[in-house]
Amino acid sequence: MAKTTPMEFLRQVRNETNKVTWPTRRETMITALMVVIFTIAMAIFFSITDAVLIRVVSFIVNLGR
């Protein structure tokens, strides 16, 4: 494998960076909003699931009393 000089490496990095398709501001905002909505939905789902499981386990534990 051929070794590259630091300057050649930086040139290659710049060339590769120019090939990247950067998202628009609108795409970034929509994606961020989707992440926030999904995070809230999952928090609600896990809160409800946790509450249900707590009640089920409490019911099972109290059966022996």
PDB file of N, CA and C in Angstrom:
ATOM      1  N   MET A   1       0.845  -1.173   0.000  1.00  0.00           N
ATOM      2  CA  MET A   1       0.000   0.000   0.000  1.00  0.00           C
ATOM      3  C   MET A   1       0.897   1.246   0.000  1.00  0.00           C
ATOM      4  N   ALA A   2       0.627   2.159  -0.914  1.00  0.00           N
ATOM      5  CA  ALA A   2       1.452   3.362  -1.031  1.00  0.00           C
ATOM      6  C   ALA A   2       1.115   4.336   0.084  1.00  0.00           C
ATOM      7  N   LYS A   3       2.157   4.971   0.598  1.00  0.00           N
ATOM      8  CA  LYS A   3       1.945   5.973   1.643  1.00  0.00           C
ATOM      9  C   LYS A   3       1.657   7.320   0.984  1.00  0.00           C
ATOM     10  N   THR A   4       0.775   8.087   1.632  1.00  0.00           N
ATOM     11  CA  THR A   4       0.471   9.427   1.124  1.00  0.00           C
ATOM     12  C   THR A   4       1.062  10.459   2.069  1.00  0.00           C
ATOM     13  N   THR A   5       1.403  11.594   1.503  1.00  0.00           N
ATOM     14  CA  THR A   5       1.935  12.679   2.326  1.00  0.00           C
ATOM     15  C   THR A   5       0.766  13.374   3.015  1.00  0.00           C
ATOM     16  N   PRO A   6       1.045  14.110   4.083  1.00  0.00           N
ATOM     17  CA  PRO A   6      -0.035  14.834   4.763  1.00  0.00           C
ATOM     18  C   PRO A   6      -0.775  15.809   3.824  1.00  0.00           C
ATOM     19  N   MET A   7      -0.058  16.465   2.929  1.00  0.00           N
ATOM     20  CA  MET A   7      -0.707  17.403   2.009  1.00  0.00           C
ATOM     21  C   MET A   7      -1.616  16.658   1.032  1.00  0.00           C
ATOM     22  N   GLU A   8      -1.161  15.511   0.548  1.00  0.00           N
ATOM     23  CA  GLU A   8      -1.987  14.707  -0.357  1.00  0.00           C
ATOM     24  C   GLU A   8      -3.242  14.211   0.365  1.00  0.00           C
ATOM     25  N   PHE A   9      -3.066  13.818   1.620  1.00  0.00           N
ATOM     26  CA  PHE A   9      -4.200  13.374   2.428  1.00  0.00           C
ATOM     27  C   PHE A   9      -5.234  14.488   2.562  1.00  0.00           C
ATOM     28  N   LEU A  10      -4.785  15.691   2.884  1.00  0.00           N
ATOM     29  CA  LEU A  10      -5.705  16.822   3.025  1.00  0.00           C
ATOM     30  C   LEU A  10      -6.415  17.127   1.708  1.00  0.00           C
ATOM     31  N   ARG A  11      -5.697  17.009   0.598  1.00  0.00           N
ATOM     32  CA  ARG A  11      -6.305  17.224  -0.719  1.00  0.00           C
ATOM     33  C   ARG A  11      -7.405  16.185  -0.970  1.00  0.00           C
ATOM     34  N   GLN A  12      -7.134  14.958  -0.604  1.00  0.00           N
ATOM     35  CA  GLN A  12      -8.111  13.889  -0.782  1.00  0.00           C
ATOM     36  C   GLN A  12      -9.343  14.123   0.102  1.00  0.00           C
ATOM     37  N   VAL A  13      -9.096  14.560   1.316  1.00  0.00           N
ATOM     38  CA  VAL A  13     -10.210  14.851   2.226  1.00  0.00           C
ATOM     39  C   VAL A  13     -11.085  15.954   1.648  1.00  0.00           C
ATOM     40  N   ARG A  14     -10.474  17.015   1.144  1.00  0.00           N
ATOM     41  CA  ARG A  14     -11.227  18.126   0.561  1.00  0.00           C
ATOM     42  C   ARG A  14     -12.037  17.649  -0.647  1.00  0.00           C
ATOM     43  N   ASN A  15     -11.423  16.827  -1.495  1.00  0.00           N
ATOM     44  CA  ASN A  15     -12.137  16.300  -2.661  1.00  0.00           C
ATOM     45  C   ASN A  15     -13.337  15.445  -2.245  1.00  0.00           C
ATOM     46  N   GLU A  16     -13.160  14.615  -1.229  1.00  0.00           N
ATOM     47  CA  GLU A  16     -14.258  13.771  -0.764  1.00  0.00           C
ATOM     48  C   GLU A  16     -15.356  14.615  -0.113  1.00  0.00           C
ATOM     49  N   THR A  17     -14.966  15.647   0.627  1.00  0.00           N
ATOM     50  CA  THR A  17     -15.948  16.531   1.265  1.00  0.00           C
ATOM     51  C   THR A  17     -16.789  17.247   0.215  1.00  0.00           C
ATOM     52  N   ASN A  18     -16.195  17.593  -0.903  1.00  0.00           N
ATOM     53  CA  ASN A  18     -16.943  18.265  -1.966  1.00  0.00           C
ATOM     54  C   ASN A  18     -17.970  17.341  -2.613  1.00  0.00           C
ATOM     55  N   LYS A  19     -17.803  16.035  -2.493  1.00  0.00           N
ATOM     56  CA  LYS A  19     -18.732  15.073  -3.074  1.00  0.00           C
ATOM     57  C   LYS A  19     -19.978  14.860  -2.206  1.00  0.00           C
ATOM     58  N   VAL A  20     -19.911  15.300  -0.960  1.00  0.00           N
ATOM     59  CA  VAL A  20     -21.014  15.082  -0.027  1.00  0.00           C
ATOM     60  C   VAL A  20     -22.209  15.951  -0.428  1.00  0.00           C
ATOM     61  N   THR A  21     -23.398  15.345  -0.385  1.00  0.00           N
ATOM     62  CA  THR A  21     -24.631  16.099  -0.623  1.00  0.00           C
ATOM     63  C   THR A  21     -25.158  16.542   0.734  1.00  0.00           C
ATOM     64  N   TRP A  22     -25.027  17.814   1.031  1.00  0.00           N
ATOM     65  CA  TRP A  22     -25.429  18.339   2.328  1.00  0.00           C
ATOM     66  C   TRP A  22     -26.930  18.606   2.324  1.00  0.00           C
ATOM     67  N   PRO A  23     -27.620  18.325   3.446  1.00  0.00           N
ATOM     68  CA  PRO A  23     -29.068  18.565   3.492  1.00  0.00           C
ATOM     69  C   PRO A  23     -29.367  20.069   3.532  1.00  0.00           C
ATOM     70  N   THR A  24     -30.541  20.404   3.024  1.00  0.00           N
ATOM     71  CA  THR A  24     -30.967  21.800   3.067  1.00  0.00           C
ATOM     72  C   THR A  24     -31.445  22.129   4.479  1.00  0.00           C
ATOM     73  N   ARG A  25     -31.636  23.396   4.737  1.00  0.00           N
ATOM     74  CA  ARG A  25     -32.126  23.827   6.049  1.00  0.00           C
ATOM     75  C   ARG A  25     -33.502  23.209   6.314  1.00  0.00           C
ATOM     76  N   ARG A  26     -34.343  23.187   5.282  1.00  0.00           N
ATOM     77  CA  ARG A  26     -35.702  22.635   5.426  1.00  0.00           C
ATOM     78  C   ARG A  26     -35.632  21.141   5.760  1.00  0.00           C
ATOM     79  N   GLU A  27     -34.792  20.391   5.070  1.00  0.00           N
ATOM     80  CA  GLU A  27     -34.650  18.965   5.343  1.00  0.00           C
ATOM     81  C   GLU A  27     -34.163  18.719   6.776  1.00  0.00           C
ATOM     82  N   THR A  28     -33.239  19.549   7.216  1.00  0.00           N
ATOM     83  CA  THR A  28     -32.712  19.414   8.580  1.00  0.00           C
ATOM     84  C   THR A  28     -33.796  19.688   9.614  1.00  0.00           C
ATOM     85  N   MET A  29     -34.601  20.723   9.382  1.00  0.00           N
ATOM     86  CA  MET A  29     -35.666  21.064  10.320  1.00  0.00           C
ATOM     87  C   MET A  29     -36.733  19.964  10.362  1.00  0.00           C
ATOM     88  N   ILE A  30     -37.105  19.430   9.204  1.00  0.00           N
ATOM     89  CA  ILE A  30     -38.115  18.361   9.157  1.00  0.00           C
ATOM     90  C   ILE A  30     -37.596  17.122   9.876  1.00  0.00           C
ATOM     91  N   THR A  31     -36.364  16.771   9.640  1.00  0.00           N
ATOM     92  CA  THR A  31     -35.779  15.600  10.295  1.00  0.00           C
ATOM     93  C   THR A  31     -35.706  15.791  11.804  1.00  0.00           C
ATOM     94  N   ALA A  32     -35.299  16.971  12.243  1.00  0.00           N
ATOM     95  CA  ALA A  32     -35.220  17.251  13.676  1.00  0.00           C
ATOM     96  C   ALA A  32     -36.612  17.172  14.311  1.00  0.00           C
ATOM     97  N   LEU A  33     -37.621  17.711  13.623  1.00  0.00           N
ATOM     98  CA  LEU A  33     -38.991  17.660  14.137  1.00  0.00           C
ATOM     99  C   LEU A  33     -39.478  16.215  14.235  1.00  0.00           C
ATOM    100  N   MET A  34     -39.147  15.404  13.238  1.00  0.00           N
ATOM    101  CA  MET A  34     -39.528  13.984  13.268  1.00  0.00           C
ATOM    102  C   MET A  34     -38.877  13.273  14.454  1.00  0.00           C
ATOM    103  N   VAL A  35     -37.641  13.596  14.741  1.00  0.00           N
ATOM    104  CA  VAL A  35     -36.939  12.983  15.874  1.00  0.00           C
ATOM    105  C   VAL A  35     -37.614  13.380  17.183  1.00  0.00           C
ATOM    106  N   VAL A  36     -37.969  14.646  17.323  1.00  0.00           N
ATOM    107  CA  VAL A  36     -38.624  15.112  18.557  1.00  0.00           C
ATOM    108  C   VAL A  36     -39.978  14.426  18.725  1.00  0.00           C
ATOM    109  N   ILE A  37     -40.762  14.361  17.662  1.00  0.00           N
ATOM    110  CA  ILE A  37     -42.081  13.723  17.734  1.00  0.00           C
ATOM    111  C   ILE A  37     -41.940  12.245  18.081  1.00  0.00           C
ATOM    112  N   PHE A  38     -41.012  11.561  17.436  1.00  0.00           N
ATOM    113  CA  PHE A  38     -40.804  10.141  17.713  1.00  0.00           C
ATOM    114  C   PHE A  38     -40.350   9.929  19.155  1.00  0.00           C
ATOM    115  N   THR A  39     -39.485  10.802  19.652  1.00  0.00           N
ATOM    116  CA  THR A  39     -39.001  10.685  21.028  1.00  0.00           C
ATOM    117  C   THR A  39     -40.140  10.863  22.022  1.00  0.00           C
ATOM    118  N   ILE A  40     -41.013  11.836  21.776  1.00  0.00           N
ATOM    119  CA  ILE A  40     -42.165  12.055  22.655  1.00  0.00           C
ATOM    120  C   ILE A  40     -43.103  10.850  22.604  1.00  0.00           C
ATOM    121  N   ALA A  41     -43.353  10.329  21.397  1.00  0.00           N
ATOM    122  CA  ALA A  41     -44.231   9.167  21.260  1.00  0.00           C
ATOM    123  C   ALA A  41     -43.668   7.962  22.010  1.00  0.00           C
ATOM    124  N   MET A  42     -42.376   7.741  21.899  1.00  0.00           N
ATOM    125  CA  MET A  42     -41.767   6.602  22.591  1.00  0.00           C
ATOM    126  C   MET A  42     -41.787   6.809  24.107  1.00  0.00           C
ATOM    127  N   ALA A  43     -41.604   8.040  24.566  1.00  0.00           N
ATOM    128  CA  ALA A  43     -41.671   8.319  26.005  1.00  0.00           C
ATOM    129  C   ALA A  43     -43.069   8.015  26.537  1.00  0.00           C
ATOM    130  N   ILE A  44     -44.093   8.413  25.793  1.00  0.00           N
ATOM    131  CA  ILE A  44     -45.472   8.128  26.206  1.00  0.00           C
ATOM    132  C   ILE A  44     -45.713   6.618  26.213  1.00  0.00           C
ATOM    133  N   PHE A  45     -45.284   5.941  25.150  1.00  0.00           N
ATOM    134  CA  PHE A  45     -45.470   4.490  25.063  1.00  0.00           C
ATOM    135  C   PHE A  45     -44.809   3.777  26.237  1.00  0.00           C
ATOM    136  N   PHE A  46     -43.550   4.107  26.532  1.00  0.00           N
ATOM    137  CA  PHE A  46     -42.853   3.420  27.611  1.00  0.00           C
ATOM    138  C   PHE A  46     -43.407   3.792  28.979  1.00  0.00           C
ATOM    139  N   SER A  47     -43.918   4.995  29.140  1.00  0.00           N
ATOM    140  CA  SER A  47     -44.548   5.381  30.411  1.00  0.00           C
ATOM    141  C   SER A  47     -45.807   4.551  30.648  1.00  0.00           C
ATOM    142  N   ILE A  48     -46.628   4.408  29.609  1.00  0.00           N
ATOM    143  CA  ILE A  48     -47.849   3.610  29.731  1.00  0.00           C
ATOM    144  C   ILE A  48     -47.498   2.150  29.986  1.00  0.00           C
ATOM    145  N   THR A  49     -46.536   1.627  29.244  1.00  0.00           N
ATOM    146  CA  THR A  49     -46.119   0.237  29.434  1.00  0.00           C
ATOM    147  C   THR A  49     -45.600   0.012  30.844  1.00  0.00           C
ATOM    148  N   ASP A  50     -44.813   0.939  31.351  1.00  0.00           N
ATOM    149  CA  ASP A  50     -44.273   0.828  32.702  1.00  0.00           C
ATOM    150  C   ASP A  50     -45.395   0.841  33.734  1.00  0.00           C
ATOM    151  N   ALA A  51     -46.362   1.736  33.565  1.00  0.00           N
ATOM    152  CA  ALA A  51     -47.474   1.813  34.517  1.00  0.00           C
ATOM    153  C   ALA A  51     -48.277   0.520  34.513  1.00  0.00           C
ATOM    154  N   VAL A  52     -48.527  -0.029  33.330  1.00  0.00           N
ATOM    155  CA  VAL A  52     -49.284  -1.284  33.238  1.00  0.00           C
ATOM    156  C   VAL A  52     -48.503  -2.426  33.902  1.00  0.00           C
ATOM    157  N   LEU A  53     -47.222  -2.510  33.613  1.00  0.00           N
ATOM    158  CA  LEU A  53     -46.416  -3.592  34.200  1.00  0.00           C
ATOM    159  C   LEU A  53     -46.312  -3.469  35.718  1.00  0.00           C
ATOM    160  N   ILE A  54     -46.235  -2.248  36.224  1.00  0.00           N
ATOM    161  CA  ILE A  54     -46.192  -2.052  37.679  1.00  0.00           C
ATOM    162  C   ILE A  54     -47.474  -2.586  38.313  1.00  0.00           C
ATOM    163  N   ARG A  55     -48.613  -2.283  37.688  1.00  0.00           N
ATOM    164  CA  ARG A  55     -49.891  -2.757  38.235  1.00  0.00           C
ATOM    165  C   ARG A  55     -49.994  -4.287  38.161  1.00  0.00           C
ATOM    166  N   VAL A  56     -49.540  -4.861  37.060  1.00  0.00           N
ATOM    167  CA  VAL A  56     -49.594  -6.323  36.902  1.00  0.00           C
ATOM    168  C   VAL A  56     -48.717  -7.000  37.950  1.00  0.00           C
ATOM    169  N   VAL A  57     -47.501  -6.513  38.122  1.00  0.00           N
ATOM    170  CA  VAL A  57     -46.592  -7.115  39.095  1.00  0.00           C
ATOM    171  C   VAL A  57     -47.125  -6.916  40.504  1.00  0.00           C
ATOM    172  N   SER A  58     -47.662  -5.748  40.812  1.00  0.00           N
ATOM    173  CA  SER A  58     -48.239  -5.506  42.152  1.00  0.00           C
ATOM    174  C   SER A  58     -49.411  -6.451  42.400  1.00  0.00           C
ATOM    175  N   PHE A  59     -50.245  -6.664  41.383  1.00  0.00           N
ATOM    176  CA  PHE A  59     -51.381  -7.590  41.524  1.00  0.00           C
ATOM    177  C   PHE A  59     -50.883  -9.004  41.811  1.00  0.00           C
ATOM    178  N   ILE A  60     -49.870  -9.450  41.060  1.00  0.00           N
ATOM    179  CA  ILE A  60     -49.335 -10.803  41.247  1.00  0.00           C
ATOM    180  C   ILE A  60     -48.701 -10.949  42.616  1.00  0.00           C
ATOM    181  N   VAL A  61     -47.957  -9.934  43.071  1.00  0.00           N
ATOM    182  CA  VAL A  61     -47.297 -10.006  44.377  1.00  0.00           C
ATOM    183  C   VAL A  61     -48.330 -10.013  45.492  1.00  0.00           C
ATOM    184  N   ASN A  62     -49.413  -9.269  45.330  1.00  0.00           N
ATOM    185  CA  ASN A  62     -50.443  -9.185  46.390  1.00  0.00           C
ATOM    186  C   ASN A  62     -51.361 -10.400  46.404  1.00  0.00           C
ATOM    187  N   LEU A  63     -51.285 -11.283  45.432  1.00  0.00           N
ATOM    188  CA  LEU A  63     -52.109 -12.492  45.430  1.00  0.00           C
ATOM    189  C   LEU A  63     -51.744 -13.410  46.596  1.00  0.00           C
ATOM    190  N   GLY A  64     -50.484 -13.428  46.961  1.00  0.00           N
ATOM    191  CA  GLY A  64     -50.022 -14.322  48.029  1.00  0.00           C
ATOM    192  C   GLY A  64     -50.353 -13.817  49.414  1.00  0.00           C
ATOM    193  N   ARG A  65     -50.840 -12.631  49.567  1.00  0.00           N
ATOM    194  CA  ARG A  65     -51.114 -12.074  50.900  1.00  0.00           C
ATOM    195  C   ARG A  65     -52.486 -12.379  51.378  1.00  0.00           C
TER     196      ARG A  65
END
